[in-house]
Amino acid sequence: QVQLVESGGGLVQPGGSLRLSCAASGLVLDYSAIGWFRQAPGKEREGVSCLVSSDNSTYYADSVKGRFTISRDNAKSTIYLQMNSLKPEDTAVYYCAVDRIPMGARAAKIRLGEALSTEDFAAWGQGTQVTVSS
């Protein structure tokens, strides 16, 4: 059974940094694409970033490009989301999930600049709260 557990959230001032972790069990990261999503109060869940293990393709939403970096540590079965230059609008619950579509297809979607869809992902974690406020 695939299980994802997020951690690393917290309260940070604008301009600060946080590193989120997504610990995976029941799957091999080498054969998986993992996505990060976020959901702010009253808003729909939106895709933030994705990492495709087969070719290390990465996707970032326009709102986080240049500030967030996704990475993985296969030995620890963990995906990270390094978040720098945080803004109040980054405040949300952050989730990780496993991509259900083949990695080649995901890499193609990334090349086309397609946004992530929650419908393509499964095995959602419980989420971790990120609050950016002074």
Foldseek 3Di string as FASTA:
>chain_A
DKAWAKDWADEAAQQAKIKMKIAIPPDQLLQWKKWKWWDDPPDDIFTAKIAQNPVRDMAGDPVQPPFWDWDDDRVRNMIMIIGGRDDQVVWTWMKMWIFQDGSVVVSVCVVVVHTDDPVRTDNIHPTDTHGYHD
